[in-house]
Structure formats: C-alpha cells, structure tokens
C-alpha atoms as a PDB file:
ATOM      1  CA  MET A   1     -12.884 -14.779  15.732  1.00  0.00           C
ATOM      2  CA  GLY A   2     -15.743 -17.008  16.632  1.00  0.00           C
ATOM      3  CA  ALA A   3     -17.428 -19.111  13.008  1.00  0.00           C
ATOM      4  CA  ALA A   4     -20.532 -15.978  13.256  1.00  0.00           C
ATOM      5  CA  THR A   5     -18.176 -13.265  13.426  1.00  0.00           C
ATOM      6  CA  GLY A   6     -15.381 -14.999  11.209  1.00  0.00           C
ATOM      7  CA  ALA A   7     -18.996 -15.797   8.946  1.00  0.00           C
ATOM      8  CA  ALA A   8     -19.759 -11.920   9.149  1.00  0.00           C
ATOM      9  CA  LEU A   9     -16.386 -10.545   8.106  1.00  0.00           C
ATOM     10  CA  ILE A  10     -16.345 -12.543   5.192  1.00  0.00           C
ATOM     11  CA  PHE A  11     -20.180 -11.213   4.331  1.00  0.00           C
ATOM     12  CA  MET A  12     -19.326  -7.974   4.910  1.00  0.00           C
ATOM     13  CA  LEU A  13     -16.245  -7.910   2.857  1.00  0.00           C
ATOM     14  CA  GLY A  14     -17.651  -9.427  -0.345  1.00  0.00           C
ATOM     15  CA  ILE A  15     -20.370  -7.473  -0.267  1.00  0.00           C
ATOM     16  CA  VAL A  16     -19.194  -3.913  -0.019  1.00  0.00           C
ATOM     17  CA  GLY A  17     -15.132  -4.586  -1.418  1.00  0.00           C
ATOM     18  CA  CYS A  18     -14.189  -1.712   0.266  1.00  0.00           C
ATOM     19  CA  LEU A  19     -14.695   0.756   3.218  1.00  0.00           C
ATOM     20  CA  VAL A  20     -17.837   1.802   4.170  1.00  0.00           C
ATOM     21  CA  ASP A  21     -16.785   5.461   3.560  1.00  0.00           C
ATOM     22  CA  THR A  22     -14.614   4.680  -0.066  1.00  0.00           C
ATOM     23  CA  VAL A  23     -14.673   6.331  -3.351  1.00  0.00           C
ATOM     24  CA  CYS A  24     -15.222   2.032  -5.350  1.00  0.00           C
ATOM     25  CA  GLY A  25     -16.050   3.766  -8.424  1.00  0.00           C
ATOM     26  CA  GLN A  26     -12.932   5.668  -9.645  1.00  0.00           C
ATOM     27  CA  ASN A  27     -10.796   4.594 -12.915  1.00  0.00           C
ATOM     28  CA  CYS A  28      -7.283   5.189 -11.959  1.00  0.00           C
ATOM     29  CA  SER A  29      -6.152   5.454 -15.205  1.00  0.00           C
ATOM     30  CA  LEU A  30      -5.895   9.109 -14.924  1.00  0.00           C
ATOM     31  CA  GLY A  31      -3.714  12.172 -14.244  1.00  0.00           C
ATOM     32  CA  LYS A  32      -1.334  13.123 -11.503  1.00  0.00           C
ATOM     33  CA  GLU A  33      -4.027  14.608 -10.136  1.00  0.00           C
ATOM     34  CA  ALA A  34      -6.452  11.511  -9.062  1.00  0.00           C
ATOM     35  CA  TRP A  35      -4.037   9.533  -6.499  1.00  0.00           C
ATOM     36  CA  GLN A  36      -5.675  11.328  -3.960  1.00  0.00           C
ATOM     37  CA  TRP A  37      -5.015   8.674  -1.787  1.00  0.00           C
ATOM     38  CA  GLN A  38      -1.266   9.315  -1.811  1.00  0.00           C
ATOM     39  CA  VAL A  39       0.398  10.206   2.124  1.00  0.00           C
ATOM     40  CA  SER A  40       3.817  10.791   2.529  1.00  0.00           C
ATOM     41  CA  ILE A  41       4.915   9.167   6.457  1.00  0.00           C
ATOM     42  CA  GLN A  42       6.372  11.695   7.853  1.00  0.00           C
ATOM     43  CA  ARG A  43       9.058  11.151  10.498  1.00  0.00           C
ATOM     44  CA  ASN A  44      10.584  13.384  12.519  1.00  0.00           C
ATOM     45  CA  GLY A  45       9.651  16.476   9.807  1.00  0.00           C
ATOM     46  CA  ILE A  46      11.438  13.616   6.868  1.00  0.00           C
ATOM     47  CA  HIS A  47       9.692  11.733   4.546  1.00  0.00           C
ATOM     48  CA  ILE A  48       9.764   7.760   5.433  1.00  0.00           C
ATOM     49  CA  CYS A  49       7.532   5.968   2.887  1.00  0.00           C
ATOM     50  CA  GLY A  50       4.620   6.337   1.404  1.00  0.00           C
ATOM     51  CA  GLY A  51       1.266   4.719   2.084  1.00  0.00           C
ATOM     52  CA  ALA A  52      -2.903   4.611   1.125  1.00  0.00           C
ATOM     53  CA  LEU A  53      -5.502   6.171   3.502  1.00  0.00           C
ATOM     54  CA  ILE A  54      -8.302   3.974   3.244  1.00  0.00           C
ATOM     55  CA  SER A  55     -10.942   5.213   4.769  1.00  0.00           C
ATOM     56  CA  LYS A  56     -10.628   8.704   6.388  1.00  0.00           C
ATOM     57  CA  SER A  57      -8.693   8.526   9.130  1.00  0.00           C
ATOM     58  CA  TRP A  58      -6.810   5.182   8.757  1.00  0.00           C
ATOM     59  CA  ILE A  59      -4.046   4.288   6.401  1.00  0.00           C
ATOM     60  CA  LEU A  60      -2.716   1.067   4.978  1.00  0.00           C
ATOM     61  CA  SER A  61       1.491   0.881   4.311  1.00  0.00           C
ATOM     62  CA  SER A  62       4.210  -1.304   5.111  1.00  0.00           C
ATOM     63  CA  ALA A  63       5.452  -2.624   8.825  1.00  0.00           C
ATOM     64  CA  GLY A  64       9.310  -2.253   7.755  1.00  0.00           C
ATOM     65  CA  CYS A  65       8.583   1.831   7.079  1.00  0.00           C
ATOM     66  CA  PHE A  66       8.789   1.405  11.066  1.00  0.00           C
ATOM     67  CA  SER A  67      10.948  -1.390  11.867  1.00  0.00           C
ATOM     68  CA  SER A  68      12.765   0.952  13.879  1.00  0.00           C
ATOM     69  CA  LEU A  69       9.674   2.606  16.005  1.00  0.00           C
ATOM     70  CA  GLY A  70      10.298   4.663  18.932  1.00  0.00           C
ATOM     71  CA  ASN A  71       7.372   6.854  19.763  1.00  0.00           C
ATOM     72  CA  THR A  72       4.411   7.910  18.058  1.00  0.00           C
ATOM     73  CA  SER A  73       4.293  11.160  18.662  1.00  0.00           C
ATOM     74  CA  GLU A  74       7.552  11.374  15.958  1.00  0.00           C
ATOM     75  CA  TRP A  75       5.617   9.743  13.551  1.00  0.00           C
ATOM     76  CA  ARG A  76       3.758  13.048  10.859  1.00  0.00           C
ATOM     77  CA  VAL A  77       0.760  11.756   8.001  1.00  0.00           C
ATOM     78  CA  SER A  78       0.365  14.877   4.603  1.00  0.00           C
ATOM     79  CA  LEU A  79      -2.005  15.038   2.523  1.00  0.00           C
ATOM     80  CA  ARG A  80      -1.171  14.199  -1.012  1.00  0.00           C
ATOM     81  CA  TRP A  81      -4.247  15.538  -2.143  1.00  0.00           C
ATOM     82  CA  THR A  82      -5.396  18.832  -0.073  1.00  0.00           C
ATOM     83  CA  ASN A  83      -3.461  21.078   2.329  1.00  0.00           C
ATOM     84  CA  GLN A  84      -3.070  19.099   5.417  1.00  0.00           C
ATOM     85  CA  THR A  85      -0.488  18.362   6.321  1.00  0.00           C
ATOM     86  CA  ASN A  86       1.816  17.095   9.798  1.00  0.00           C
ATOM     87  CA  LEU A  87      -0.983  15.267  11.131  1.00  0.00           C
ATOM     88  CA  ASN A  88      -0.974  13.724  14.144  1.00  0.00           C
ATOM     89  CA  ILE A  89      -1.634   9.822  14.166  1.00  0.00           C
ATOM     90  CA  SER A  90      -2.528   7.711  17.191  1.00  0.00           C
ATOM     91  CA  ARG A  91      -1.291   4.159  16.767  1.00  0.00           C
ATOM     92  CA  ILE A  92       0.661   2.405  14.380  1.00  0.00           C
ATOM     93  CA  ILE A  93       0.392  -1.194  13.887  1.00  0.00           C
ATOM     94  CA  ARG A  94       2.254  -3.834  12.690  1.00  0.00           C
ATOM     95  CA  HIS A  95       1.209  -6.906  11.882  1.00  0.00           C
ATOM     96  CA  PRO A  96       2.473  -8.998  14.646  1.00  0.00           C
ATOM     97  CA  SER A  97       4.127 -12.593  12.542  1.00  0.00           C
ATOM     98  CA  TYR A  98       6.779  -9.374  10.487  1.00  0.00           C
ATOM     99  CA  SER A  99       9.913  -9.631  10.859  1.00  0.00           C
ATOM    100  CA  LEU A 100      12.137  -8.793   7.250  1.00  0.00           C
ATOM    101  CA  GLU A 101       9.933  -7.385   4.137  1.00  0.00           C
ATOM    102  CA  ILE A 102      10.800 -10.400   2.642  1.00  0.00           C
ATOM    103  CA  SER A 103       9.684 -13.398   4.768  1.00  0.00           C
ATOM    104  CA  GLY A 104       6.139 -11.697   4.071  1.00  0.00           C
ATOM    105  CA  TYR A 105       3.301  -9.679   6.146  1.00  0.00           C
ATOM    106  CA  ASP A 106       4.573  -6.910   5.114  1.00  0.00           C
ATOM    107  CA  ILE A 107       2.118  -4.058   6.468  1.00  0.00           C
ATOM    108  CA  ALA A 108       0.781  -1.995   8.758  1.00  0.00           C
ATOM    109  CA  LEU A 109      -1.933   0.467   9.483  1.00  0.00           C
ATOM    110  CA  VAL A 110      -1.703   3.759  10.688  1.00  0.00           C
ATOM    111  CA  GLN A 111      -4.718   5.521  12.596  1.00  0.00           C
ATOM    112  CA  LEU A 112      -5.374   8.894  12.428  1.00  0.00           C
ATOM    113  CA  ASN A 113      -5.770  11.163  15.614  1.00  0.00           C
ATOM    114  CA  HIS A 114      -9.198  12.163  13.905  1.00  0.00           C
ATOM    115  CA  ASP A 115     -11.108  12.011  10.882  1.00  0.00           C
ATOM    116  CA  ILE A 116      -9.732  13.951   8.107  1.00  0.00           C
ATOM    117  CA  SER A 117     -12.827  17.503   6.952  1.00  0.00           C
ATOM    118  CA  TYR A 118     -12.535  15.763   3.217  1.00  0.00           C
ATOM    119  CA  THR A 119     -14.740  13.302   1.934  1.00  0.00           C
ATOM    120  CA  ASN A 120     -14.739  10.653  -0.833  1.00  0.00           C
ATOM    121  CA  LEU A 121     -10.243  10.781  -0.433  1.00  0.00           C
ATOM    122  CA  SER A 122      -9.930   6.886  -0.070  1.00  0.00           C
ATOM    123  CA  ILE A 123      -9.073   3.804  -1.964  1.00  0.00           C
ATOM    124  CA  GLY A 124     -11.244   1.119  -2.231  1.00  0.00           C
ATOM    125  CA  LEU A 125     -10.060  -2.256  -0.736  1.00  0.00           C
ATOM    126  CA  PRO A 126     -10.466  -5.134  -2.837  1.00  0.00           C
ATOM    127  CA  GLN A 127     -12.709  -8.082  -2.062  1.00  0.00           C
ATOM    128  CA  TYR A 128     -11.686 -11.894  -1.309  1.00  0.00           C
ATOM    129  CA  SER A 129     -12.288 -12.726  -4.926  1.00  0.00           C
ATOM    130  CA  ASP A 130     -10.876 -10.570  -6.883  1.00  0.00           C
ATOM    131  CA  GLU A 131      -7.774 -11.094  -9.288  1.00  0.00           C
ATOM    132  CA  VAL A 132      -4.802  -9.124 -10.323  1.00  0.00           C
ATOM    133  CA  PRO A 133      -4.007 -12.080 -14.076  1.00  0.00           C
ATOM    134  CA  ASP A 134      -0.682 -11.650 -15.090  1.00  0.00           C
ATOM    135  CA  GLY A 135       0.442  -9.181 -17.380  1.00  0.00           C
ATOM    136  CA  THR A 136      -2.900  -6.793 -15.588  1.00  0.00           C
ATOM    137  CA  HIS A 137      -1.021  -2.778 -15.619  1.00  0.00           C
ATOM    138  CA  CYS A 138      -1.607  -1.496 -12.205  1.00  0.00           C
ATOM    139  CA  PHE A 139      -0.270   2.341 -11.617  1.00  0.00           C
ATOM    140  CA  LEU A 140       2.877   3.022  -8.585  1.00  0.00           C
ATOM    141  CA  SER A 141       3.206   6.128  -7.085  1.00  0.00           C
ATOM    142  CA  GLY A 142       4.667   8.015  -4.523  1.00  0.00           C
ATOM    143  CA  TRP A 143       8.269  10.836  -3.762  1.00  0.00           C
ATOM    144  CA  GLU A 144      11.163   9.747  -3.399  1.00  0.00           C
ATOM    145  CA  LYS A 145      11.777  12.769  -1.172  1.00  0.00           C
ATOM    146  CA  VAL A 146       9.265  15.573   0.461  1.00  0.00           C
ATOM    147  CA  ASP A 147      11.365  18.673   1.200  1.00  0.00           C
ATOM    148  CA  LYS A 148      10.964  19.529   4.562  1.00  0.00           C
ATOM    149  CA  SER A 149       8.562  22.387   4.529  1.00  0.00           C
ATOM    150  CA  MET A 150       6.140  20.035   5.163  1.00  0.00           C
ATOM    151  CA  VAL A 151       4.932  20.881   1.222  1.00  0.00           C
ATOM    152  CA  LEU A 152       3.652  18.191  -0.997  1.00  0.00           C
ATOM    153  CA  PRO A 153       4.848  18.678  -4.546  1.00  0.00           C
ATOM    154  CA  ASP A 154       3.369  16.939  -7.371  1.00  0.00           C
ATOM    155  CA  LEU A 155       3.839  12.707  -7.441  1.00  0.00           C
ATOM    156  CA  GLN A 156       7.300  12.353  -8.293  1.00  0.00           C
ATOM    157  CA  HIS A 157       6.192   8.387  -9.003  1.00  0.00           C
ATOM    158  CA  LEU A 158       3.425   7.241 -11.025  1.00  0.00           C
ATOM    159  CA  GLN A 159       5.029   4.665 -12.664  1.00  0.00           C
ATOM    160  CA  ASN A 160       2.552   2.180 -15.534  1.00  0.00           C
ATOM    161  CA  VAL A 161       3.984  -1.150 -13.173  1.00  0.00           C
ATOM    162  CA  SER A 162       2.536  -5.189 -15.251  1.00  0.00           C
ATOM    163  CA  ILE A 163       1.585  -7.745 -12.884  1.00  0.00           C
ATOM    164  CA  LEU A 164       4.026 -10.843 -13.272  1.00  0.00           C
ATOM    165  CA  GLY A 165       3.163 -14.405 -12.138  1.00  0.00           C
ATOM    166  CA  SER A 166       5.008 -15.610  -9.112  1.00  0.00           C
ATOM    167  CA  ALA A 167       6.435 -18.803 -11.019  1.00  0.00           C
ATOM    168  CA  ALA A 168       8.810 -15.850 -13.092  1.00  0.00           C
ATOM    169  CA  CYS A 169       9.039 -13.884 -10.408  1.00  0.00           C
ATOM    170  CA  ASN A 170      10.587 -16.895  -8.617  1.00  0.00           C
ATOM    171  CA  HIS A 171      12.266 -17.929 -11.566  1.00  0.00           C
ATOM    172  CA  PHE A 172      14.255 -14.602 -11.987  1.00  0.00           C
ATOM    173  CA  PHE A 173      15.500 -14.825  -7.894  1.00  0.00           C
ATOM    174  CA  GLN A 174      16.675 -18.088  -8.082  1.00  0.00           C
ATOM    175  CA  SER A 175      18.309 -17.769 -11.618  1.00  0.00           C
ATOM    176  CA  LYS A 176      20.121 -14.496 -10.257  1.00  0.00           C
ATOM    177  CA  TYR A 177      21.074 -15.163  -6.398  1.00  0.00           C
ATOM    178  CA  VAL A 178      20.071 -18.767  -4.773  1.00  0.00           C
ATOM    179  CA  SER A 179      18.224 -21.393  -6.274  1.00  0.00           C
ATOM    180  CA  GLY A 180      15.860 -23.643  -4.542  1.00  0.00           C
ATOM    181  CA  ILE A 181      14.447 -20.429  -2.358  1.00  0.00           C
ATOM    182  CA  THR A 182      10.714 -19.694  -3.260  1.00  0.00           C
ATOM    183  CA  PHE A 183      11.195 -15.988  -2.758  1.00  0.00           C
ATOM    184  CA  ILE A 184       7.949 -14.827  -4.108  1.00  0.00           C
ATOM    185  CA  GLN A 185       5.452 -16.068  -0.758  1.00  0.00           C
ATOM    186  CA  GLU A 186       1.656 -16.523  -1.242  1.00  0.00           C
ATOM    187  CA  ASP A 187       0.828 -13.033   0.602  1.00  0.00           C
ATOM    188  CA  MET A 188       3.376 -11.230  -2.225  1.00  0.00           C
ATOM    189  CA  LEU A 189       2.513  -9.564  -5.565  1.00  0.00           C
ATOM    190  CA  CYS A 190       5.596  -8.981  -8.004  1.00  0.00           C
ATOM    191  CA  GLY A 191       4.795  -6.156 -10.279  1.00  0.00           C
ATOM    192  CA  GLU A 192       7.728  -5.525 -13.055  1.00  0.00           C
ATOM    193  CA  ASP A 193       8.198  -1.696 -13.147  1.00  0.00           C
ATOM    194  CA  THR A 194       9.127  -0.549 -17.005  1.00  0.00           C
ATOM    195  CA  SER A 195      10.083   3.570 -15.965  1.00  0.00           C
ATOM    196  CA  ASN A 196      12.284   4.912 -13.658  1.00  0.00           C
ATOM    197  CA  GLY A 197      11.905   1.887 -10.983  1.00  0.00           C
ATOM    198  CA  ASN A 198      11.084   2.095  -7.532  1.00  0.00           C
ATOM    199  CA  CYS A 199      13.755   3.724  -5.195  1.00  0.00           C
ATOM    200  CA  LYS A 200      13.985   4.024  -1.155  1.00  0.00           C
ATOM    201  CA  GLY A 201      10.421   6.760  -0.616  1.00  0.00           C
ATOM    202  CA  VAL A 202       7.873   5.056  -2.257  1.00  0.00           C
ATOM    203  CA  ILE A 203       7.476   1.904  -0.437  1.00  0.00           C
ATOM    204  CA  GLY A 204       4.767   2.273   1.570  1.00  0.00           C
ATOM    205  CA  GLY A 205       3.488   3.046  -1.631  1.00  0.00           C
ATOM    206  CA  PRO A 206      -0.181   2.178  -3.001  1.00  0.00           C
ATOM    207  CA  LEU A 207       0.141  -0.696  -6.063  1.00  0.00           C
ATOM    208  CA  ALA A 208      -3.450   0.729  -7.963  1.00  0.00           C
ATOM    209  CA  CYS A 209      -5.292  -1.383 -10.342  1.00  0.00           C
ATOM    210  CA  ASN A 210      -8.717  -1.266 -12.094  1.00  0.00           C
ATOM    211  CA  ILE A 211     -11.183  -4.488 -11.084  1.00  0.00           C
ATOM    212  CA  LYS A 212     -14.286  -4.392 -13.090  1.00  0.00           C
ATOM    213  CA  ASP A 213     -13.257  -1.379 -13.040  1.00  0.00           C
ATOM    214  CA  LYS A 214     -12.722   1.122 -10.467  1.00  0.00           C
ATOM    215  CA  CYS A 215     -10.121   1.761  -8.710  1.00  0.00           C
ATOM    216  CA  LYS A 216      -8.569  -0.136  -5.761  1.00  0.00           C
ATOM    217  CA  LEU A 217      -5.199  -0.822  -3.652  1.00  0.00           C
ATOM    218  CA  VAL A 218      -4.053  -3.879  -5.122  1.00  0.00           C
ATOM    219  CA  GLY A 219      -1.017  -3.790  -2.945  1.00  0.00           C
ATOM    220  CA  ILE A 220       1.317  -2.212  -1.072  1.00  0.00           C
ATOM    221  CA  LEU A 221       4.637  -2.031  -2.289  1.00  0.00           C
ATOM    222  CA  SER A 222       7.138  -4.374  -0.203  1.00  0.00           C
ATOM    223  CA  TRP A 223      10.627  -4.541  -1.456  1.00  0.00           C
ATOM    224  CA  THR A 224      12.833  -4.269  -4.716  1.00  0.00           C
ATOM    225  CA  VAL A 225      15.217  -5.148  -6.729  1.00  0.00           C
ATOM    226  CA  GLY A 226      16.678  -2.603  -9.722  1.00  0.00           C
ATOM    227  CA  CYS A 227      16.786   0.605  -8.436  1.00  0.00           C
ATOM    228  CA  PRO A 228      16.952   3.667  -9.761  1.00  0.00           C
ATOM    229  CA  HIS A 229      16.112   1.748 -13.150  1.00  0.00           C
ATOM    230  CA  ALA A 230      13.939  -0.230 -14.220  1.00  0.00           C
ATOM    231  CA  GLY A 231      12.945  -3.404 -11.698  1.00  0.00           C
ATOM    232  CA  LEU A 232      10.786  -5.074  -9.886  1.00  0.00           C
ATOM    233  CA  GLY A 233       8.857  -4.531  -7.486  1.00  0.00           C
ATOM    234  CA  ILE A 234       7.717  -6.815  -4.540  1.00  0.00           C
ATOM    235  CA  TYR A 235       4.247  -5.593  -2.867  1.00  0.00           C
ATOM    236  CA  THR A 236       2.183  -7.402   0.022  1.00  0.00           C
ATOM    237  CA  LYS A 237      -1.190  -8.524  -1.443  1.00  0.00           C
ATOM    238  CA  THR A 238      -3.610  -7.039   0.581  1.00  0.00           C
ATOM    239  CA  THR A 239      -5.957  -8.940  -0.686  1.00  0.00           C
ATOM    240  CA  ALA A 240      -3.876 -12.099   2.413  1.00  0.00           C
ATOM    241  CA  PHE A 241      -4.628  -9.489   5.074  1.00  0.00           C
ATOM    242  CA  LEU A 242      -8.548  -8.770   4.851  1.00  0.00           C
ATOM    243  CA  GLN A 243      -9.361  -9.497   7.094  1.00  0.00           C
ATOM    244  CA  TRP A 244      -6.510  -9.013   9.304  1.00  0.00           C
ATOM    245  CA  ILE A 245      -7.549  -5.318   8.120  1.00  0.00           C
ATOM    246  CA  MET A 246     -10.668  -5.667   8.616  1.00  0.00           C
ATOM    247  CA  SER A 247     -10.310  -6.548  13.018  1.00  0.00           C
ATOM    248  CA  ASN A 248      -7.639  -3.702  13.680  1.00  0.00           C
ATOM    249  CA  ILE A 249      -9.979  -1.200  11.773  1.00  0.00           C
ATOM    250  CA  SER A 250     -12.834  -1.884  13.236  1.00  0.00           C
ATOM    251  CA  VAL A 251     -12.128  -2.426  17.259  1.00  0.00           C
END
C-alpha cells in the first residue's frame, strides 16, 4: 500500500468511524432484542462460532473458528434478528499471521454470497483514536449451542464485561501459569466476565462497547479462562486491524 493510499484509508476511517452502510448512532446498553448484528457461523449445520455483521455482506469473527477450513460450501451463516438463515458464503479470509489464539492475529472476515436484504443491522467499527479505558463496561453476546433446525433462539449469552488492563491481566496469567511471559499482546483486550463464563460456542462473538454514546465493535472473543464459571475473556482488538479489515473488504 502506497503512502497516499494509506493516508486516504486512515482519513476515511478517522472521519467515518464505521462502514458506510452501518448504523453508528445506537447505544448498546439495550435489551436482547437490540443485538441485531449477532450471527451464528455454522459448519455442516452445526453452530461453531459467533460473529458480528459489519456491513451488508461482511462478518467479522475469530480466525480460530476456521482452523480447519475445509470447503467454503460447508459453511453457512444465520442472522440473529431476521429470518435469513443458512446463508451461503463466498470467502473466508483469515489473517495471514494467525497461528494460535494466544499468539494474536486471531481475526477473520467472512463474505456472504449476496448482500442481506435488511438495512441498519450491522455494528460500527471504532476509530483508530478510540480508547477503551480500564473498567469500561461492555457486552458480549452469543450462543453456546444452536439447534440444527437453524432457527436461532434468544441469545444465551448477553454478558457484562469489564475491561481489565493488560498489566493486570498479564499479572493474573503469570501468577497462575508462567512468570516472565507476556500473555496479552498489543492486539488483544482483556475482559473480566461477571456472569456465566465464556464458553466454546461464544468464541468469535462481538464485544460491544459504548464509545461516545455509540455502540462500537471493540473486540472479537478469541480465547477464555474460567468457562463455565465467571472468568477472563481475551479479545482481538479491532482497532489493531482496521487497515487490514478495510483493505480486504474494499477489494
């Protein structure tokens, strides 16, 4: 990417702060019926991971959900807030630097075959400059399990998550496992779950936070400690990958 192109991309992200067809003005301290960007990513009819709709045809999720990629035709997406289920996908793009969740770069894009027919369902991306201070209260949503009928139930998880600073999070892991190792990388966020724990099917699910009174996709659940009881969730920080996201979906 040339300097001019990079500058233009940064300018666009800084001004828009989210994708053009995304509703950015909604506050995310709402009830379960409001989490319309939540999707279920399924393989051969089985719910594998969560994800977040960020435009009419693109979903953001965890690269770890696709560690065994297989054929694209095996994968489907069901939308949380409409009767659009079992949607075909055309592409799955994992970050090329991803290897293991604990090493970072745990992010993937999923492109639908066609634009969805509904508008104002997607969640906005944060700006480069948006900060999420320690103690910020956010929300994680998703399902642990979805019936093969493909009819999505009410969200099984709508959890309060309190952002925990990287230093405190690293201290927790170092005291519990191995000292001297940096567990929380620069592209990660650490969140303390104060409810029922983050379990397998919730991986890839969206971490939504109110930033300047607007609901933004701050993180994607990557890995957890403590399931099925209250514990820590480690999230891929979306601001660390804004350029990667935009460069892929604009192709």
